[in-house]
Structures are given as C-alpha cells and as structure tokens.
Amino acid sequence: MRLESKTLLEDIRQAGELIACFVEGKEFADYASDPLLRSGVERQFEIIGEALNRLSRLDPVVAGRISHGARIISFRNILIHGYAHVDDEVVWDIIETHLPVLRREVCALLEGGAER
C-alpha cells in the first residue's frame, strides 16, 4: 500500500477514535444539547470524509474496501455545505451504527488487509 494511502487511512482512524472518545458515556440528549460536542464530532466527520475522498482518487482499490465510501463522502459534503440542515439524530445514528464498522475496516486495512 502506498504511504499516502496509509497516511489518509491513519487520518480516518484518528478522527474516528476522537469521535468515539468525545461521545463515550454520552447519550443523544447530551449530544443534542452540547454545541461544542456537536461541533467537535462534525469536524472529525468532515476529516473522515475528506480523507476518504482523497483516498478514492489516489487509491480507489483501497478506498473501495471501505463500506459506503460514497455515502461517507456525501455526508462530509452535507456537513460542510448544508450545515444549516444537519439533523442531529442522523449524526447520532451514524455514530452508533456506522462508525464502529468504519473503524474496524480502517484498522484492518492499516494492519495489512489491503496489501498488494
């Protein structure tokens, strides 16, 4: 795997880990009522989406091993360009449902699951 690909995967891994740390022990009500928490989570999702977007152009084979890659990139675009319409319940669902899968996939790729 190319060094640049590993760097982008590491950016995704770190952002996912930060989100998990930010929301540890929190419930949706905590998230919805804390603008600082929401901002931090959304920023890390933006990083994930941007890193995956770059990875998809640099190394489409590796990027293709991440489930729902196009949706992740689209989510990043919504956070940046459609920020006024972000639904906190949708973000929370992504944290609970999709982030664990993404984190597992990225860790597997970094551990050598995408060797050429």
N, C-alpha and C. Protein backbone atom coordinates (compact mmCIF):
# COMPACT_ATOMS: atom_id res chain seq x y z
N MET A 1 0.86 -1.18 0.00
CA MET A 1 0.00 0.00 0.00
C MET A 1 0.90 1.23 0.00
N ARG A 2 0.49 2.22 -0.73
CA ARG A 2 1.26 3.47 -0.82
C ARG A 2 1.27 4.20 0.52
N LEU A 3 2.36 4.89 0.77
CA LEU A 3 2.49 5.66 2.00
C LEU A 3 1.38 6.69 2.14
N GLU A 4 1.04 7.35 1.05
CA GLU A 4 -0.03 8.36 1.09
C GLU A 4 -1.37 7.73 1.48
N SER A 5 -1.60 6.52 1.00
CA SER A 5 -2.84 5.81 1.35
C SER A 5 -2.87 5.50 2.84
N LYS A 6 -1.75 5.03 3.36
CA LYS A 6 -1.68 4.74 4.79
C LYS A 6 -1.88 6.00 5.62
N THR A 7 -1.33 7.12 5.16
CA THR A 7 -1.49 8.39 5.88
C THR A 7 -2.95 8.80 5.93
N LEU A 8 -3.65 8.67 4.81
CA LEU A 8 -5.07 9.02 4.78
C LEU A 8 -5.89 8.07 5.65
N LEU A 9 -5.58 6.79 5.60
CA LEU A 9 -6.27 5.83 6.48
C LEU A 9 -6.01 6.16 7.95
N GLU A 10 -4.81 6.56 8.26
CA GLU A 10 -4.49 6.93 9.64
C GLU A 10 -5.27 8.18 10.05
N ASP A 11 -5.44 9.13 9.15
CA ASP A 11 -6.26 10.31 9.45
C ASP A 11 -7.70 9.88 9.77
N ILE A 12 -8.23 8.94 8.99
CA ILE A 12 -9.58 8.44 9.23
C ILE A 12 -9.65 7.73 10.58
N ARG A 13 -8.65 6.90 10.85
CA ARG A 13 -8.60 6.17 12.12
C ARG A 13 -8.58 7.11 13.30
N GLN A 14 -7.73 8.12 13.23
CA GLN A 14 -7.62 9.07 14.34
C GLN A 14 -8.92 9.86 14.53
N ALA A 15 -9.53 10.30 13.45
CA ALA A 15 -10.79 11.05 13.56
C ALA A 15 -11.89 10.18 14.15
N GLY A 16 -11.95 8.92 13.72
CA GLY A 16 -12.95 8.01 14.28
C GLY A 16 -12.73 7.76 15.75
N GLU A 17 -11.47 7.63 16.14
CA GLU A 17 -11.15 7.43 17.56
C GLU A 17 -11.53 8.67 18.38
N LEU A 18 -11.28 9.85 17.84
CA LEU A 18 -11.66 11.07 18.56
C LEU A 18 -13.17 11.14 18.75
N ILE A 19 -13.92 10.83 17.71
CA ILE A 19 -15.38 10.85 17.84
C ILE A 19 -15.81 9.89 18.95
N ALA A 20 -15.27 8.69 18.93
CA ALA A 20 -15.62 7.70 19.96
C ALA A 20 -15.29 8.22 21.35
N CYS A 21 -14.16 8.87 21.49
CA CYS A 21 -13.78 9.45 22.80
C CYS A 21 -14.72 10.58 23.19
N PHE A 22 -15.06 11.43 22.22
CA PHE A 22 -15.94 12.57 22.51
C PHE A 22 -17.30 12.12 23.05
N VAL A 23 -17.82 11.02 22.51
CA VAL A 23 -19.19 10.61 22.85
C VAL A 23 -19.23 9.51 23.90
N GLU A 24 -18.09 9.06 24.36
CA GLU A 24 -18.07 7.98 25.35
C GLU A 24 -18.86 8.40 26.60
N GLY A 25 -19.79 7.55 26.99
CA GLY A 25 -20.62 7.81 28.16
C GLY A 25 -21.73 8.82 27.92
N LYS A 26 -21.89 9.25 26.69
CA LYS A 26 -22.92 10.25 26.36
C LYS A 26 -24.13 9.57 25.75
N GLU A 27 -25.25 10.24 25.84
CA GLU A 27 -26.48 9.82 25.18
C GLU A 27 -26.87 10.90 24.18
N PHE A 28 -27.87 10.59 23.38
CA PHE A 28 -28.29 11.56 22.37
C PHE A 28 -28.64 12.91 22.98
N ALA A 29 -29.31 12.92 24.10
CA ALA A 29 -29.70 14.20 24.73
C ALA A 29 -28.47 15.04 25.06
N ASP A 30 -27.40 14.38 25.50
CA ASP A 30 -26.15 15.10 25.78
C ASP A 30 -25.61 15.72 24.50
N TYR A 31 -25.61 14.92 23.45
CA TYR A 31 -25.11 15.39 22.16
C TYR A 31 -25.94 16.56 21.65
N ALA A 32 -27.25 16.41 21.67
CA ALA A 32 -28.14 17.42 21.12
C ALA A 32 -28.06 18.74 21.88
N SER A 33 -27.73 18.69 23.15
CA SER A 33 -27.73 19.90 23.96
C SER A 33 -26.35 20.54 24.11
N ASP A 34 -25.33 19.97 23.48
CA ASP A 34 -23.97 20.48 23.65
C ASP A 34 -23.38 20.91 22.30
N PRO A 35 -23.41 22.21 22.01
CA PRO A 35 -22.91 22.67 20.72
C PRO A 35 -21.41 22.42 20.52
N LEU A 36 -20.65 22.43 21.59
CA LEU A 36 -19.22 22.14 21.46
C LEU A 36 -19.00 20.68 21.07
N LEU A 37 -19.73 19.77 21.68
CA LEU A 37 -19.64 18.36 21.34
C LEU A 37 -20.05 18.13 19.89
N ARG A 38 -21.17 18.72 19.49
CA ARG A 38 -21.63 18.56 18.11
C ARG A 38 -20.59 19.10 17.13
N SER A 39 -20.02 20.24 17.43
CA SER A 39 -19.01 20.83 16.54
C SER A 39 -17.79 19.93 16.43
N GLY A 40 -17.34 19.39 17.55
CA GLY A 40 -16.18 18.50 17.52
C GLY A 40 -16.44 17.24 16.72
N VAL A 41 -17.60 16.65 16.91
CA VAL A 41 -17.96 15.43 16.18
C VAL A 41 -18.07 15.73 14.69
N GLU A 42 -18.77 16.79 14.35
CA GLU A 42 -18.94 17.13 12.94
C GLU A 42 -17.60 17.41 12.27
N ARG A 43 -16.69 18.09 12.96
CA ARG A 43 -15.36 18.37 12.40
C ARG A 43 -14.63 17.07 12.10
N GLN A 44 -14.69 16.12 12.99
CA GLN A 44 -14.00 14.85 12.76
C GLN A 44 -14.64 14.07 11.62
N PHE A 45 -15.96 14.15 11.48
CA PHE A 45 -16.61 13.52 10.33
C PHE A 45 -16.20 14.21 9.02
N GLU A 46 -16.01 15.51 9.06
CA GLU A 46 -15.52 16.23 7.88
C GLU A 46 -14.14 15.71 7.49
N ILE A 47 -13.27 15.51 8.47
CA ILE A 47 -11.93 14.99 8.21
C ILE A 47 -12.02 13.59 7.61
N ILE A 48 -12.87 12.75 8.18
CA ILE A 48 -13.05 11.40 7.64
C ILE A 48 -13.48 11.46 6.18
N GLY A 49 -14.48 12.25 5.89
CA GLY A 49 -14.99 12.35 4.52
C GLY A 49 -13.97 12.90 3.55
N GLU A 50 -13.22 13.90 3.97
CA GLU A 50 -12.20 14.49 3.09
C GLU A 50 -11.06 13.51 2.86
N ALA A 51 -10.62 12.83 3.91
CA ALA A 51 -9.54 11.85 3.75
C ALA A 51 -9.98 10.72 2.83
N LEU A 52 -11.22 10.27 2.98
CA LEU A 52 -11.72 9.20 2.12
C LEU A 52 -11.87 9.68 0.68
N ASN A 53 -12.28 10.91 0.49
CA ASN A 53 -12.39 11.48 -0.85
C ASN A 53 -11.01 11.49 -1.52
N ARG A 54 -10.00 11.93 -0.80
CA ARG A 54 -8.64 11.94 -1.35
C ARG A 54 -8.16 10.52 -1.63
N LEU A 55 -8.45 9.60 -0.71
CA LEU A 55 -8.05 8.22 -0.88
C LEU A 55 -8.71 7.61 -2.11
N SER A 56 -9.96 7.95 -2.35
CA SER A 56 -10.67 7.38 -3.51
C SER A 56 -10.05 7.83 -4.82
N ARG A 57 -9.45 9.01 -4.86
CA ARG A 57 -8.77 9.48 -6.06
C ARG A 57 -7.36 8.91 -6.17
N LEU A 58 -6.69 8.78 -5.04
CA LEU A 58 -5.31 8.30 -5.01
C LEU A 58 -5.21 6.79 -5.16
N ASP A 59 -6.10 6.07 -4.48
CA ASP A 59 -6.00 4.61 -4.43
C ASP A 59 -7.41 4.02 -4.35
N PRO A 60 -8.12 4.01 -5.50
CA PRO A 60 -9.51 3.55 -5.49
C PRO A 60 -9.70 2.11 -5.02
N VAL A 61 -8.70 1.27 -5.18
CA VAL A 61 -8.82 -0.11 -4.73
C VAL A 61 -8.92 -0.16 -3.21
N VAL A 62 -8.06 0.56 -2.53
CA VAL A 62 -8.09 0.60 -1.07
C VAL A 62 -9.36 1.29 -0.60
N ALA A 63 -9.69 2.42 -1.19
CA ALA A 63 -10.91 3.13 -0.80
C ALA A 63 -12.15 2.26 -0.99
N GLY A 64 -12.13 1.42 -2.02
CA GLY A 64 -13.26 0.54 -2.30
C GLY A 64 -13.47 -0.54 -1.25
N ARG A 65 -12.50 -0.72 -0.39
CA ARG A 65 -12.63 -1.72 0.67
C ARG A 65 -13.32 -1.14 1.91
N ILE A 66 -13.70 0.12 1.83
CA ILE A 66 -14.42 0.76 2.94
C ILE A 66 -15.90 0.82 2.57
N SER A 67 -16.73 0.22 3.40
CA SER A 67 -18.17 0.18 3.15
C SER A 67 -18.76 1.58 3.07
N HIS A 68 -19.62 1.77 2.11
CA HIS A 68 -20.38 3.01 1.97
C HIS A 68 -19.48 4.24 1.79
N GLY A 69 -18.37 4.07 1.10
CA GLY A 69 -17.44 5.17 0.91
C GLY A 69 -18.07 6.40 0.29
N ALA A 70 -18.87 6.20 -0.75
CA ALA A 70 -19.51 7.34 -1.42
C ALA A 70 -20.47 8.07 -0.46
N ARG A 71 -21.15 7.31 0.38
CA ARG A 71 -22.07 7.94 1.34
C ARG A 71 -21.31 8.73 2.40
N ILE A 72 -20.15 8.23 2.78
CA ILE A 72 -19.32 8.93 3.77
C ILE A 72 -18.87 10.27 3.18
N ILE A 73 -18.44 10.25 1.94
CA ILE A 73 -18.01 11.48 1.28
C ILE A 73 -19.19 12.44 1.13
N SER A 74 -20.35 11.92 0.78
CA SER A 74 -21.54 12.76 0.67
C SER A 74 -21.92 13.38 2.00
N PHE A 75 -21.77 12.61 3.07
CA PHE A 75 -22.06 13.12 4.42
C PHE A 75 -21.13 14.28 4.75
N ARG A 76 -19.87 14.17 4.38
CA ARG A 76 -18.92 15.26 4.58
C ARG A 76 -19.40 16.51 3.85
N ASN A 77 -19.87 16.34 2.62
CA ASN A 77 -20.35 17.48 1.85
C ASN A 77 -21.56 18.13 2.49
N ILE A 78 -22.44 17.32 3.05
CA ILE A 78 -23.61 17.87 3.74
C ILE A 78 -23.17 18.67 4.96
N LEU A 79 -22.23 18.13 5.72
CA LEU A 79 -21.76 18.84 6.91
C LEU A 79 -21.14 20.19 6.55
N ILE A 80 -20.42 20.24 5.45
CA ILE A 80 -19.74 21.47 5.08
C ILE A 80 -20.66 22.44 4.35
N HIS A 81 -21.39 21.95 3.36
CA HIS A 81 -22.17 22.84 2.51
C HIS A 81 -23.62 22.97 2.94
N GLY A 82 -24.13 21.98 3.65
CA GLY A 82 -25.52 22.02 4.09
C GLY A 82 -25.63 22.09 5.59
N TYR A 83 -24.65 22.73 6.21
CA TYR A 83 -24.53 22.76 7.67
C TYR A 83 -25.80 23.22 8.38
N ALA A 84 -26.58 24.05 7.74
CA ALA A 84 -27.80 24.56 8.38
C ALA A 84 -28.89 23.50 8.47
N HIS A 85 -28.71 22.40 7.74
CA HIS A 85 -29.74 21.38 7.68
C HIS A 85 -29.29 20.04 8.26
N VAL A 86 -28.23 20.05 9.05
CA VAL A 86 -27.73 18.82 9.64
C VAL A 86 -28.70 18.35 10.72
N ASP A 87 -29.11 17.11 10.64
CA ASP A 87 -30.04 16.52 11.59
C ASP A 87 -29.23 15.79 12.67
N ASP A 88 -29.31 16.27 13.89
CA ASP A 88 -28.54 15.68 14.99
C ASP A 88 -28.86 14.21 15.20
N GLU A 89 -30.11 13.82 14.98
CA GLU A 89 -30.48 12.41 15.14
C GLU A 89 -29.79 11.53 14.10
N VAL A 90 -29.64 12.06 12.90
CA VAL A 90 -28.95 11.30 11.85
C VAL A 90 -27.47 11.15 12.22
N VAL A 91 -26.86 12.23 12.67
CA VAL A 91 -25.45 12.17 13.07
C VAL A 91 -25.27 11.15 14.20
N TRP A 92 -26.15 11.19 15.19
CA TRP A 92 -26.04 10.25 16.31
C TRP A 92 -26.21 8.81 15.84
N ASP A 93 -27.13 8.58 14.92
CA ASP A 93 -27.31 7.24 14.38
C ASP A 93 -26.04 6.77 13.65
N ILE A 94 -25.41 7.65 12.92
CA ILE A 94 -24.17 7.31 12.23
C ILE A 94 -23.09 6.96 13.25
N ILE A 95 -23.01 7.71 14.33
CA ILE A 95 -22.04 7.42 15.38
C ILE A 95 -22.26 6.02 15.94
N GLU A 96 -23.50 5.70 16.24
CA GLU A 96 -23.80 4.42 16.89
C GLU A 96 -23.77 3.23 15.92
N THR A 97 -24.20 3.44 14.69
CA THR A 97 -24.40 2.33 13.76
C THR A 97 -23.24 2.14 12.79
N HIS A 98 -22.78 3.21 12.19
CA HIS A 98 -21.81 3.10 11.10
C HIS A 98 -20.36 3.36 11.50
N LEU A 99 -20.14 4.19 12.49
CA LEU A 99 -18.77 4.49 12.89
C LEU A 99 -18.01 3.26 13.37
N PRO A 100 -18.61 2.37 14.16
CA PRO A 100 -17.86 1.18 14.59
C PRO A 100 -17.40 0.32 13.41
N VAL A 101 -18.23 0.21 12.38
CA VAL A 101 -17.87 -0.57 11.20
C VAL A 101 -16.69 0.09 10.48
N LEU A 102 -16.80 1.39 10.28
CA LEU A 102 -15.72 2.14 9.62
C LEU A 102 -14.41 1.98 10.38
N ARG A 103 -14.47 2.10 11.68
CA ARG A 103 -13.25 1.99 12.49
C ARG A 103 -12.63 0.60 12.33
N ARG A 104 -13.44 -0.44 12.35
CA ARG A 104 -12.91 -1.80 12.18
C ARG A 104 -12.28 -1.98 10.80
N GLU A 105 -12.96 -1.50 9.78
CA GLU A 105 -12.44 -1.65 8.42
C GLU A 105 -11.12 -0.92 8.24
N VAL A 106 -11.04 0.29 8.73
CA VAL A 106 -9.81 1.08 8.59
C VAL A 106 -8.67 0.44 9.37
N CYS A 107 -8.94 -0.03 10.55
CA CYS A 107 -7.89 -0.70 11.34
C CYS A 107 -7.39 -1.95 10.61
N ALA A 108 -8.30 -2.71 10.02
CA ALA A 108 -7.90 -3.91 9.27
C ALA A 108 -7.03 -3.54 8.07
N LEU A 109 -7.39 -2.48 7.38
CA LEU A 109 -6.58 -2.03 6.25
C LEU A 109 -5.19 -1.59 6.70
N LEU A 110 -5.14 -0.87 7.80
CA LEU A 110 -3.84 -0.41 8.31
C LEU A 110 -2.98 -1.57 8.81
N GLU A 111 -3.62 -2.62 9.25
CA GLU A 111 -2.88 -3.79 9.76
C GLU A 111 -2.43 -4.71 8.63
N GLY A 112 -2.70 -4.32 7.39
CA GLY A 112 -2.20 -5.11 6.28
C GLY A 112 -3.24 -5.79 5.44
N GLY A 113 -4.50 -5.53 5.72
CA GLY A 113 -5.57 -6.18 4.97
C GLY A 113 -5.70 -5.73 3.54
N ALA A 114 -4.93 -4.72 3.13
CA ALA A 114 -5.03 -4.23 1.75
C ALA A 114 -3.69 -4.31 1.03
N GLU A 115 -2.86 -5.23 1.45
CA GLU A 115 -1.55 -5.36 0.80
C GLU A 115 -1.75 -5.75 -0.67
N ARG A 116 -0.87 -5.26 -1.49
CA ARG A 116 -0.94 -5.56 -2.93
C ARG A 116 0.02 -6.65 -3.27
